[in-house]
Amino acid sequence: MIKIALIDDEKEMIEEMKDYLEYREYAVVLATDAKSGMALLESTPVDLVLLDMTMPGTSGIEILRRFRIERPHLKFIVMTGRSDETTRNEVLAEGASYYLGKPFGLEDLDRAIEKVMEVKKP
């Protein structure tokens, strides 16, 4: 089973995403801010991180930079409301596996996970 860390400060959104991902038979752990997200990644083995780019305190980009070095096998899907080409290119250049501009649908999230993890869910 693929284990996903979901790090985002939009609590309603991540609860909806968590419910959906668990329905799709993924194991999901949550963090609702950057600090607890970093602690989660330090203590919990995961296969994929769904990471908000803009959070109070440490940015998602800083988390991405740190953990791409510490855990190069870890895959990241960065989610952001800044859906312009410059931001997309910056995120991918920093090592993200995929970029999702907010708002996005749950089907978009499915496609991103399937592509990054090379799985196909029914």
C-alpha atoms as a PDB file:
ATOM      1  CA  MET A   1       0.000   0.000   0.000  1.00  0.00           C
ATOM      2  CA  ILE A   2       1.288   3.452  -0.916  1.00  0.00           C
ATOM      3  CA  LYS A   3       1.670   5.747   2.081  1.00  0.00           C
ATOM      4  CA  ILE A   4       1.045   9.439   1.444  1.00  0.00           C
ATOM      5  CA  ALA A   5       1.910  12.428   3.644  1.00  0.00           C
ATOM      6  CA  LEU A   6      -0.476  15.318   3.059  1.00  0.00           C
ATOM      7  CA  ILE A   7       0.933  18.658   4.255  1.00  0.00           C
ATOM      8  CA  ASP A   8      -1.300  21.702   3.821  1.00  0.00           C
ATOM      9  CA  ASP A   9      -2.699  24.416   6.089  1.00  0.00           C
ATOM     10  CA  GLU A  10      -6.178  24.328   4.483  1.00  0.00           C
ATOM     11  CA  LYS A  11      -7.795  21.953   6.970  1.00  0.00           C
ATOM     12  CA  GLU A  12     -11.102  21.418   5.173  1.00  0.00           C
ATOM     13  CA  MET A  13      -9.349  20.651   1.914  1.00  0.00           C
ATOM     14  CA  ILE A  14      -6.957  18.117   3.409  1.00  0.00           C
ATOM     15  CA  GLU A  15      -9.748  16.343   5.284  1.00  0.00           C
ATOM     16  CA  GLU A  16     -11.645  15.976   1.999  1.00  0.00           C
ATOM     17  CA  MET A  17      -8.497  14.786   0.230  1.00  0.00           C
ATOM     18  CA  LYS A  18      -7.685  12.357   3.052  1.00  0.00           C
ATOM     19  CA  ASP A  19     -11.153  10.796   2.918  1.00  0.00           C
ATOM     20  CA  TYR A  20     -10.940  10.459  -0.848  1.00  0.00           C
ATOM     21  CA  LEU A  21      -7.427   8.983  -0.825  1.00  0.00           C
ATOM     22  CA  GLU A  22      -8.341   6.473   1.868  1.00  0.00           C
ATOM     23  CA  TYR A  23     -11.379   5.497  -0.210  1.00  0.00           C
ATOM     24  CA  ARG A  24      -8.916   4.934  -3.077  1.00  0.00           C
ATOM     25  CA  GLU A  25      -6.982   2.603  -0.706  1.00  0.00           C
ATOM     26  CA  TYR A  26      -3.969   4.777   0.041  1.00  0.00           C
ATOM     27  CA  ALA A  27      -2.609   5.112   3.593  1.00  0.00           C
ATOM     28  CA  VAL A  28      -2.640   8.816   4.519  1.00  0.00           C
ATOM     29  CA  VAL A  29      -0.989  10.828   7.291  1.00  0.00           C
ATOM     30  CA  LEU A  30      -1.681  14.541   7.781  1.00  0.00           C
ATOM     31  CA  ALA A  31       0.101  17.676   8.891  1.00  0.00           C
ATOM     32  CA  THR A  32      -1.642  21.039   8.936  1.00  0.00           C
ATOM     33  CA  ASP A  33       1.433  23.288   8.973  1.00  0.00           C
ATOM     34  CA  ALA A  34       5.021  23.265   7.779  1.00  0.00           C
ATOM     35  CA  LYS A  35       6.591  22.631  11.197  1.00  0.00           C
ATOM     36  CA  SER A  36       4.475  19.563  11.926  1.00  0.00           C
ATOM     37  CA  GLY A  37       4.952  18.486   8.294  1.00  0.00           C
ATOM     38  CA  MET A  38       8.715  18.434   8.723  1.00  0.00           C
ATOM     39  CA  ALA A  39       8.367  16.504  11.991  1.00  0.00           C
ATOM     40  CA  LEU A  40       6.061  14.037  10.252  1.00  0.00           C
ATOM     41  CA  LEU A  41       8.545  13.463   7.427  1.00  0.00           C
ATOM     42  CA  GLU A  42      11.379  13.035   9.928  1.00  0.00           C
ATOM     43  CA  SER A  43       9.510  10.375  11.896  1.00  0.00           C
ATOM     44  CA  THR A  44       7.232   8.584   9.446  1.00  0.00           C
ATOM     45  CA  PRO A  45       8.278   6.647   6.358  1.00  0.00           C
ATOM     46  CA  VAL A  46       6.119   7.619   3.371  1.00  0.00           C
ATOM     47  CA  ASP A  47       6.266   7.041  -0.369  1.00  0.00           C
ATOM     48  CA  LEU A  48       4.761  10.307  -1.564  1.00  0.00           C
ATOM     49  CA  VAL A  49       4.291  13.818  -0.205  1.00  0.00           C
ATOM     50  CA  LEU A  50       1.406  16.060  -1.257  1.00  0.00           C
ATOM     51  CA  LEU A  51       2.822  19.426  -0.282  1.00  0.00           C
ATOM     52  CA  ASP A  52       1.316  22.901  -0.228  1.00  0.00           C
ATOM     53  CA  MET A  53       3.820  25.472  -1.426  1.00  0.00           C
ATOM     54  CA  THR A  54       2.622  28.417   0.676  1.00  0.00           C
ATOM     55  CA  MET A  55       2.204  27.968   4.424  1.00  0.00           C
ATOM     56  CA  PRO A  56       2.973  30.158   7.421  1.00  0.00           C
ATOM     57  CA  GLY A  57       6.541  29.733   8.663  1.00  0.00           C
ATOM     58  CA  THR A  58       8.559  27.448   6.430  1.00  0.00           C
ATOM     59  CA  SER A  59       7.525  27.274   2.794  1.00  0.00           C
ATOM     60  CA  GLY A  60       6.791  24.087   0.931  1.00  0.00           C
ATOM     61  CA  ILE A  61       9.784  24.793  -1.291  1.00  0.00           C
ATOM     62  CA  GLU A  62      12.068  24.739   1.766  1.00  0.00           C
ATOM     63  CA  ILE A  63      10.601  21.394   2.838  1.00  0.00           C
ATOM     64  CA  LEU A  64      11.032  20.066  -0.699  1.00  0.00           C
ATOM     65  CA  ARG A  65      14.674  21.193  -0.838  1.00  0.00           C
ATOM     66  CA  ARG A  66      15.508  19.629   2.500  1.00  0.00           C
ATOM     67  CA  PHE A  67      13.885  16.264   1.983  1.00  0.00           C
ATOM     68  CA  ARG A  68      14.979  15.863  -1.651  1.00  0.00           C
ATOM     69  CA  ILE A  69      18.523  15.802  -0.221  1.00  0.00           C
ATOM     70  CA  GLU A  70      17.776  13.691   2.865  1.00  0.00           C
ATOM     71  CA  ARG A  71      15.481  11.222   1.051  1.00  0.00           C
ATOM     72  CA  PRO A  72      16.155  11.332  -2.684  1.00  0.00           C
ATOM     73  CA  HIS A  73      13.739   8.432  -3.332  1.00  0.00           C
ATOM     74  CA  LEU A  74      10.820  10.417  -1.905  1.00  0.00           C
ATOM     75  CA  LYS A  75       8.373  11.782  -4.473  1.00  0.00           C
ATOM     76  CA  PHE A  76       6.637  15.146  -4.136  1.00  0.00           C
ATOM     77  CA  ILE A  77       3.501  16.579  -5.686  1.00  0.00           C
ATOM     78  CA  VAL A  78       3.456  20.303  -4.973  1.00  0.00           C
ATOM     79  CA  MET A  79       0.054  22.005  -4.733  1.00  0.00           C
ATOM     80  CA  THR A  80      -0.266  25.767  -4.992  1.00  0.00           C
ATOM     81  CA  GLY A  81      -2.672  28.563  -5.765  1.00  0.00           C
ATOM     82  CA  ARG A  82       0.132  30.252  -7.699  1.00  0.00           C
ATOM     83  CA  SER A  83      -0.591  28.518 -10.973  1.00  0.00           C
ATOM     84  CA  ASP A  84       1.663  30.381 -13.359  1.00  0.00           C
ATOM     85  CA  GLU A  85       4.376  28.986 -15.612  1.00  0.00           C
ATOM     86  CA  THR A  86       7.226  30.558 -13.607  1.00  0.00           C
ATOM     87  CA  THR A  87       6.074  28.930 -10.367  1.00  0.00           C
ATOM     88  CA  ARG A  88       5.543  25.600 -12.117  1.00  0.00           C
ATOM     89  CA  ASN A  89       9.053  25.675 -13.563  1.00  0.00           C
ATOM     90  CA  GLU A  90      10.559  26.671 -10.191  1.00  0.00           C
ATOM     91  CA  VAL A  91       8.812  23.819  -8.373  1.00  0.00           C
ATOM     92  CA  LEU A  92       9.854  21.231 -10.943  1.00  0.00           C
ATOM     93  CA  ALA A  93      13.430  22.572 -11.002  1.00  0.00           C
ATOM     94  CA  GLU A  94      13.590  22.103  -7.229  1.00  0.00           C
ATOM     95  CA  GLY A  95      12.835  18.405  -7.678  1.00  0.00           C
ATOM     96  CA  ALA A  96       9.074  18.049  -7.414  1.00  0.00           C
ATOM     97  CA  SER A  97       7.716  15.110  -9.371  1.00  0.00           C
ATOM     98  CA  TYR A  98       4.502  16.916 -10.283  1.00  0.00           C
ATOM     99  CA  TYR A  99       2.787  20.272  -9.910  1.00  0.00           C
ATOM    100  CA  LEU A 100      -0.925  20.842  -9.245  1.00  0.00           C
ATOM    101  CA  GLY A 101      -2.375  24.341  -9.488  1.00  0.00           C
ATOM    102  CA  LYS A 102      -5.221  25.051  -7.063  1.00  0.00           C
ATOM    103  CA  PRO A 103      -8.073  24.656  -7.341  1.00  0.00           C
ATOM    104  CA  PHE A 104      -7.942  21.147  -8.755  1.00  0.00           C
ATOM    105  CA  GLY A 105     -10.375  18.256  -8.799  1.00  0.00           C
ATOM    106  CA  LEU A 106      -9.970  14.911  -7.107  1.00  0.00           C
ATOM    107  CA  GLU A 107      -9.658  13.295 -10.535  1.00  0.00           C
ATOM    108  CA  ASP A 108      -6.666  15.590 -11.208  1.00  0.00           C
ATOM    109  CA  LEU A 109      -5.135  14.408  -7.953  1.00  0.00           C
ATOM    110  CA  ASP A 110      -5.715  10.775  -8.974  1.00  0.00           C
ATOM    111  CA  ARG A 111      -3.979  11.307 -12.305  1.00  0.00           C
ATOM    112  CA  ALA A 112      -1.026  13.020 -10.635  1.00  0.00           C
ATOM    113  CA  ILE A 113      -0.555  10.216  -8.107  1.00  0.00           C
ATOM    114  CA  GLU A 114      -0.928   7.518 -10.762  1.00  0.00           C
ATOM    115  CA  LYS A 115       1.649   9.228 -12.945  1.00  0.00           C
ATOM    116  CA  VAL A 116       4.169   9.877 -10.182  1.00  0.00           C
ATOM    117  CA  MET A 117       3.820   6.488  -8.481  1.00  0.00           C
ATOM    118  CA  GLU A 118       3.337   4.587 -11.743  1.00  0.00           C
ATOM    119  CA  VAL A 119       0.155   2.885 -10.545  1.00  0.00           C
ATOM    120  CA  LYS A 120      -3.300   2.590 -11.999  1.00  0.00           C
ATOM    121  CA  LYS A 121      -6.251   2.529  -9.634  1.00  0.00           C
ATOM    122  CA  PRO A 122      -9.618   1.190 -10.802  1.00  0.00           C
END
